[in-house]
């Protein structure tokens, strides 16, 4: 009898520990650079006691790896929260029925332009697409528009990351949404004819420009800021500030996965990511621009109030992202 009681008691303890462990964790997939996202997730662990299991994208397959994994896991969700470096891939998941609504109280003061009306996703801490240029190689004439990149003086002097991945895909999709297919395709054709150099990633763009291998390139503000922190002789231009196009502003987004195993903790993580304190951390670590008003940021972090943004429909851009994948693949390969 004692042996049976001991066996039952042991089984109860095992089940209790198992259940406790499950309820004390959260699984997050993220396309944000691990060097910036991991410290935030570690702080969440310390402050809440909730164990974070994180899956990060690689630099070369940015945003596509975890996106495809989430799509593949639709009928058997393994992830609770998706933290994306841009809105369009989150919207792709929304349109495929993979996300579920959550209205975080932490996002109350974030402008409505950066929130899904049905609360399927919420934006925070934005980056922008900028031109990074080597001051030694371009001491006088620096491009002020994306269309300048197609001009003769910059032939063979411009690099962009592979447009099949990461924020470059988002940027090209936004250009298609803003200009229409015909003008956007002509722009890409002109880039090719001007001997555009295709790098592996935004980080690779930064390295090539900083080293002087290439005169200038399109990248994100966090990569450009990192180059300046490293002491590289580079400058930054927010493009298309004197015409109607504007600069692409890219908020991070976060969403809750439908049927996730730890949705309660997923909501806690979302609240944490959408907080003013997280925006302050990302402003310090990688010069991201807070969407909450009044967040203290280090000197040199630009304000969204001083940038003329590209006016785009995120839903339309997400649809365009999927539509042009075949075209972009041919553009890269030809």
Protein backbone atom coordinates (compact mmCIF):
# COMPACT_ATOMS: atom_id res chain seq x y z
CA UNK A 1 0.00 0.00 0.00
CA UNK A 2 2.84 2.39 0.88
CA UNK A 3 4.48 1.63 -2.45
CA UNK A 4 1.27 2.45 -4.31
CA UNK A 5 0.84 5.70 -2.35
CA UNK A 6 4.44 6.65 -3.08
CA UNK A 7 3.95 5.90 -6.79
CA UNK A 8 0.76 7.99 -6.93
CA UNK A 9 2.46 10.83 -5.03
CA UNK A 10 5.49 10.74 -7.34
CA UNK A 11 3.27 10.81 -10.42
CA UNK A 12 1.37 13.78 -8.97
CA UNK A 13 4.64 15.68 -8.41
CA UNK A 14 5.82 14.95 -11.96
CA UNK A 15 2.53 16.20 -13.39
CA UNK A 16 2.59 19.27 -11.16
CA UNK A 17 6.13 20.19 -12.18
CA UNK A 18 5.31 19.57 -15.82
CA UNK A 19 2.22 21.76 -15.68
CA UNK A 20 3.99 24.46 -13.69
CA UNK A 21 6.85 24.55 -16.22
CA UNK A 22 4.40 24.86 -19.09
CA UNK A 23 2.48 27.68 -17.44
CA UNK A 24 5.69 29.53 -16.63
CA UNK A 25 7.02 29.92 -20.17
CA UNK A 26 6.33 31.80 -23.36
CA UNK A 27 7.51 31.02 -26.89
CA UNK A 28 8.37 33.92 -29.18
CA UNK A 29 9.49 33.86 -32.80
CA UNK A 30 11.21 37.04 -33.96
CA UNK A 31 12.72 38.48 -37.13
CA UNK A 32 14.41 41.30 -35.19
CA UNK A 33 18.21 41.06 -34.94
CA UNK A 34 19.08 38.82 -32.01
CA UNK A 35 21.69 41.28 -30.74
CA UNK A 36 18.86 43.78 -30.10
CA UNK A 37 15.87 41.54 -29.32
CA UNK A 38 17.54 39.07 -26.95
CA UNK A 39 18.47 41.61 -24.23
CA UNK A 40 14.84 42.81 -24.12
CA UNK A 41 13.58 39.24 -23.79
CA UNK A 42 16.15 38.52 -21.06
CA UNK A 43 14.94 41.59 -19.15
CA UNK A 44 11.36 40.29 -19.43
CA UNK A 45 12.51 36.98 -17.93
CA UNK A 46 14.21 38.71 -15.01
CA UNK A 47 11.30 41.02 -14.29
CA UNK A 48 8.50 38.44 -14.57
CA UNK A 49 10.09 35.08 -13.81
CA UNK A 50 8.56 33.73 -17.02
CA UNK A 51 10.95 31.64 -19.11
CA UNK A 52 11.28 32.86 -22.68
CA UNK A 53 11.93 30.34 -25.45
CA UNK A 54 12.97 32.38 -28.48
CA UNK A 55 13.44 31.42 -32.12
CA UNK A 56 15.46 33.95 -34.15
CA UNK A 57 15.77 34.43 -37.90
CA UNK A 58 19.21 34.36 -39.49
CA UNK A 59 20.55 37.55 -41.09
CA UNK A 60 20.46 36.02 -44.58
CA UNK A 61 16.86 34.72 -44.40
CA UNK A 62 15.52 37.63 -42.37
CA UNK A 63 11.77 37.54 -41.82
CA UNK A 64 11.13 34.58 -44.13
CA UNK A 65 12.35 31.75 -41.91
CA UNK A 66 10.09 32.27 -38.91
CA UNK A 67 7.24 33.45 -41.15
CA UNK A 68 7.25 30.19 -43.10
CA UNK A 69 7.55 28.23 -39.86
CA UNK A 70 4.48 29.95 -38.42
CA UNK A 71 2.53 29.22 -41.60
CA UNK A 72 3.61 25.56 -41.49
CA UNK A 73 2.55 25.31 -37.82
CA UNK A 74 -0.88 26.88 -38.38
CA UNK A 75 -2.80 23.74 -37.41
CA UNK A 76 -0.48 22.89 -34.52
CA UNK A 77 0.79 26.19 -33.06
CA UNK A 78 4.09 26.02 -31.19
CA UNK A 79 4.57 29.79 -30.83
CA UNK A 80 2.75 32.29 -28.62
CA UNK A 81 4.02 35.64 -29.90
CA UNK A 82 5.49 36.83 -33.18
CA UNK A 83 7.72 39.90 -32.89
CA UNK A 84 8.32 41.22 -36.38
CA UNK A 85 10.63 43.96 -37.60
CA UNK A 86 7.89 45.25 -39.93
CA UNK A 87 4.08 45.15 -40.27
CA UNK A 88 3.62 43.40 -43.60
CA UNK A 89 4.64 39.90 -42.56
CA UNK A 90 2.41 40.13 -39.52
CA UNK A 91 -0.44 41.09 -41.86
CA UNK A 92 0.37 38.07 -44.05
CA UNK A 93 -0.18 35.90 -40.95
CA UNK A 94 -3.38 37.78 -40.10
CA UNK A 95 -4.76 37.19 -43.59
CA UNK A 96 -4.00 33.49 -43.28
CA UNK A 97 -5.94 33.26 -40.00
CA UNK A 98 -2.84 32.61 -37.87
CA UNK A 99 -3.17 35.57 -35.46
CA UNK A 100 -5.80 36.32 -32.85
CA UNK A 101 -6.96 39.70 -31.47
CA UNK A 102 -5.45 41.25 -28.35
CA UNK A 103 -5.84 44.90 -27.34
CA UNK A 104 -2.94 45.66 -25.03
CA UNK A 105 -3.46 48.38 -22.43
CA UNK A 106 0.22 49.27 -22.87
CA UNK A 107 -0.52 50.44 -26.43
CA UNK A 108 -3.23 52.93 -25.48
CA UNK A 109 -1.10 55.96 -26.45
CA UNK A 110 0.38 54.49 -29.65
CA UNK A 111 -1.10 56.27 -32.71
CA UNK A 112 -3.87 54.44 -34.52
CA UNK A 113 -1.89 54.43 -37.78
CA UNK A 114 0.38 51.82 -36.21
CA UNK A 115 -2.37 49.49 -34.96
CA UNK A 116 -4.63 46.98 -36.65
CA UNK A 117 -8.29 48.10 -36.34
CA UNK A 118 -9.23 44.56 -35.27
CA UNK A 119 -6.31 44.42 -32.78
CA UNK A 120 -4.64 41.58 -34.67
CA UNK A 121 -1.28 43.39 -34.38
CA UNK A 122 0.21 46.47 -32.76
CA UNK A 123 3.25 48.52 -33.75
CA UNK A 124 6.00 50.01 -31.60
CA UNK A 125 9.59 51.34 -31.93
CA UNK A 126 10.11 52.27 -35.57
CA UNK A 127 13.07 52.23 -37.91
CA UNK A 128 13.34 53.96 -41.26
CA UNK A 129 14.90 53.06 -44.59
CA UNK A 130 17.82 55.37 -45.23
CA UNK A 131 20.79 55.85 -47.51
CA UNK A 132 24.13 55.21 -45.85
CA UNK A 133 27.09 56.66 -47.73
CA UNK A 134 30.86 56.71 -47.40
CA UNK A 135 31.96 60.33 -46.92
CA UNK A 136 35.34 59.70 -48.52
CA UNK A 137 33.80 58.27 -51.69
CA UNK A 138 30.94 60.77 -51.94
CA UNK A 139 32.36 64.00 -50.52
CA UNK A 140 30.17 66.32 -52.56
CA UNK A 141 27.18 64.86 -54.39
CA UNK A 142 24.97 62.54 -52.31
CA UNK A 143 21.66 61.03 -53.52
CA UNK A 144 18.56 62.66 -52.05
CA UNK A 145 15.97 60.36 -53.64
CA UNK A 146 15.69 56.69 -54.48
CA UNK A 147 15.43 57.80 -58.10
CA UNK A 148 18.89 59.39 -57.89
CA UNK A 149 20.27 55.86 -57.44
CA UNK A 150 19.45 55.13 -61.08
CA UNK A 151 21.48 58.08 -62.43
CA UNK A 152 24.82 57.86 -64.23
CA UNK A 153 26.99 59.49 -61.48
CA UNK A 154 26.11 56.58 -59.20
CA UNK A 155 26.52 53.77 -61.71
CA UNK A 156 28.07 50.76 -59.96
CA UNK A 157 28.28 52.68 -56.68
CA UNK A 158 25.04 51.60 -54.98
CA UNK A 159 24.19 48.45 -53.04
CA UNK A 160 20.96 47.04 -51.61
CA UNK A 161 20.22 43.86 -49.69
CA UNK A 162 18.63 40.93 -51.50
CA UNK A 163 15.00 42.05 -51.97
CA UNK A 164 13.69 38.53 -51.36
CA UNK A 165 14.36 38.94 -47.64
CA UNK A 166 13.93 41.29 -44.71
CA UNK A 167 13.01 44.95 -44.76
CA UNK A 168 14.25 45.30 -48.35
CA UNK A 169 11.25 43.19 -49.42
CA UNK A 170 9.01 45.49 -47.41
CA UNK A 171 10.63 48.56 -48.99
CA UNK A 172 10.22 47.27 -52.54
CA UNK A 173 6.61 46.23 -51.81
CA UNK A 174 5.92 49.72 -50.45
CA UNK A 175 7.39 51.25 -53.62
CA UNK A 176 5.08 49.05 -55.72
CA UNK A 177 2.12 50.15 -53.59
CA UNK A 178 3.06 53.83 -53.85
CA UNK A 179 4.05 54.01 -57.53
CA UNK A 180 2.03 51.22 -59.10
CA UNK A 181 3.43 48.12 -60.80
CA UNK A 182 4.53 49.73 -64.05
CA UNK A 183 6.55 52.57 -62.51
CA UNK A 184 7.99 50.33 -59.78
CA UNK A 185 9.19 47.74 -62.30
CA UNK A 186 10.75 50.49 -64.39
CA UNK A 187 12.55 51.77 -61.29
CA UNK A 188 13.98 48.29 -60.61
CA UNK A 189 14.97 47.91 -64.26
CA UNK A 190 16.77 51.24 -64.08
CA UNK A 191 18.58 50.10 -60.94
CA UNK A 192 19.75 46.95 -62.72
CA UNK A 193 20.88 48.96 -65.73
CA UNK A 194 22.87 51.19 -63.38
CA UNK A 195 24.81 48.14 -62.11
CA UNK A 196 23.21 47.91 -58.68
CA UNK A 197 25.18 45.64 -56.32
CA UNK A 198 23.07 43.07 -54.42
CA UNK A 199 24.35 42.38 -50.91
CA UNK A 200 23.32 39.45 -48.72
CA UNK A 201 21.70 41.57 -45.99
CA UNK A 202 21.31 45.06 -44.56
CA UNK A 203 24.28 44.32 -42.33
CA UNK A 204 26.30 43.45 -45.42
CA UNK A 205 25.28 46.77 -47.02
CA UNK A 206 26.54 48.57 -43.93
CA UNK A 207 29.87 46.72 -43.97
CA UNK A 208 30.49 47.31 -47.68
CA UNK A 209 29.81 51.04 -47.42
CA UNK A 210 31.75 51.46 -44.18
CA UNK A 211 34.79 49.66 -45.62
CA UNK A 212 34.72 51.75 -48.80
CA UNK A 213 33.96 48.79 -51.06
CA UNK A 214 30.79 50.57 -52.22
CA UNK A 215 29.99 54.29 -52.10
CA UNK A 216 26.43 54.08 -50.76
CA UNK A 217 23.51 51.76 -50.12
CA UNK A 218 20.00 51.40 -48.76
CA UNK A 219 19.70 50.02 -45.25
CA UNK A 220 17.81 50.54 -41.97
CA UNK A 221 18.50 53.20 -39.38
CA UNK A 222 19.65 50.65 -36.80
CA UNK A 223 22.36 49.28 -39.13
CA UNK A 224 23.43 52.79 -40.12
CA UNK A 225 23.56 53.83 -36.47
CA UNK A 226 25.73 50.81 -35.68
CA UNK A 227 28.21 51.85 -38.38
CA UNK A 228 28.49 55.32 -36.86
CA UNK A 229 28.95 53.83 -33.37
CA UNK A 230 31.82 51.79 -34.79
CA UNK A 231 33.48 55.00 -35.95
CA UNK A 232 33.00 54.49 -39.68
CA UNK A 233 33.30 57.57 -41.90
CA UNK A 234 29.69 57.41 -43.04
CA UNK A 235 26.68 59.68 -43.28
CA UNK A 236 22.92 59.08 -43.42
CA UNK A 237 20.25 60.57 -45.69
CA UNK A 238 16.50 60.32 -45.20
CA UNK A 239 15.50 60.09 -48.84
CA UNK A 240 12.65 61.74 -50.74
CA UNK A 241 11.97 64.43 -48.15
CA UNK A 242 11.38 67.12 -50.78
CA UNK A 243 8.73 65.34 -52.84
CA UNK A 244 5.53 63.41 -52.28
CA UNK A 245 7.12 59.97 -51.85
CA UNK A 246 8.74 60.31 -48.43
CA UNK A 247 10.84 57.89 -46.36
CA UNK A 248 9.58 54.45 -45.46
CA UNK A 249 8.95 54.21 -41.70
CA UNK A 250 8.88 50.65 -40.36
CA UNK A 251 7.46 49.98 -36.90
CA UNK A 252 8.13 46.73 -35.13
CA UNK A 253 4.90 44.77 -34.72
CA UNK A 254 3.80 42.16 -32.26
CA UNK A 255 0.89 39.74 -32.44
CA UNK A 256 -0.62 36.84 -30.54
CA UNK A 257 -0.77 33.49 -32.34
CA UNK A 258 -4.18 31.85 -32.59
CA UNK A 259 -4.43 28.71 -30.44
CA UNK A 260 -1.02 29.34 -28.86
CA UNK A 261 -0.06 27.08 -25.95
CA UNK A 262 0.72 29.91 -23.51
CA UNK A 263 -1.56 32.77 -24.53
CA UNK A 264 -1.77 34.26 -21.01
CA UNK A 265 1.99 34.69 -20.88
CA UNK A 266 1.96 35.74 -24.51
CA UNK A 267 -0.24 38.71 -23.59
CA UNK A 268 2.15 39.60 -20.76
CA UNK A 269 5.06 39.59 -23.18
CA UNK A 270 3.12 41.74 -25.65
CA UNK A 271 2.36 44.25 -22.88
CA UNK A 272 6.06 44.35 -22.04
CA UNK A 273 7.18 44.86 -25.64
CA UNK A 274 4.62 47.62 -26.18
CA UNK A 275 5.67 49.53 -23.08
CA UNK A 276 7.43 52.88 -22.96
CA UNK A 277 10.36 51.26 -21.15
CA UNK A 278 10.97 48.80 -24.02
CA UNK A 279 10.86 51.64 -26.53
CA UNK A 280 13.45 53.49 -24.44
CA UNK A 281 15.69 50.40 -24.43
CA UNK A 282 15.46 49.99 -28.20
CA UNK A 283 16.17 53.69 -28.72
CA UNK A 284 19.36 53.26 -26.69
CA UNK A 285 20.52 49.97 -28.18
CA UNK A 286 19.73 50.53 -31.85
CA UNK A 287 18.41 54.07 -32.35
CA UNK A 288 14.82 52.98 -32.90
CA UNK A 289 12.24 55.75 -32.76
CA UNK A 290 9.52 55.45 -30.07
CA UNK A 291 5.88 55.63 -31.08
CA UNK A 292 4.85 56.70 -27.57
CA UNK A 293 5.18 60.46 -27.10
CA UNK A 294 7.69 61.75 -24.57
CA UNK A 295 9.97 58.70 -24.31
CA UNK A 296 13.48 59.83 -23.42
CA UNK A 297 16.01 58.87 -26.09
CA UNK A 298 19.76 59.36 -26.53
CA UNK A 299 21.10 62.27 -28.55
CA UNK A 300 21.18 61.44 -32.25
CA UNK A 301 18.05 59.30 -32.30
CA UNK A 302 15.78 60.94 -34.92
CA UNK A 303 12.23 61.93 -34.17
CA UNK A 304 9.33 60.78 -36.31
CA UNK A 305 8.05 64.35 -36.03
CA UNK A 306 10.94 65.48 -38.24
CA UNK A 307 10.56 62.86 -40.99
CA UNK A 308 8.21 63.05 -43.97
CA UNK A 309 6.95 59.45 -44.11
CA UNK A 310 5.94 57.42 -47.12
CA UNK A 311 2.15 57.13 -46.96
CA UNK A 312 1.29 53.51 -47.59
CA UNK A 313 -1.53 51.10 -46.88
CA UNK A 314 0.03 48.28 -44.85
CA UNK A 315 -2.69 45.82 -45.89
CA UNK A 316 -2.18 46.62 -49.58
CA UNK A 317 1.59 46.40 -49.16
CA UNK A 318 1.32 43.00 -47.49
CA UNK A 319 -0.71 41.70 -50.43
CA UNK A 320 1.78 43.22 -52.86
CA UNK A 321 4.66 41.52 -51.02
CA UNK A 322 3.18 38.12 -51.84
CA UNK A 323 2.25 39.08 -55.40
CA UNK A 324 5.72 40.22 -56.48
CA UNK A 325 7.82 37.39 -55.05
CA UNK A 326 8.12 35.66 -58.43
CA UNK A 327 9.04 38.91 -60.17
CA UNK A 328 11.67 39.78 -57.54
CA UNK A 329 13.22 36.32 -57.80
CA UNK A 330 13.68 36.76 -61.55
CA UNK A 331 14.99 40.31 -61.02
CA UNK A 332 17.65 39.05 -58.62
CA UNK A 333 18.70 36.13 -60.82
CA UNK A 334 18.83 37.97 -64.17
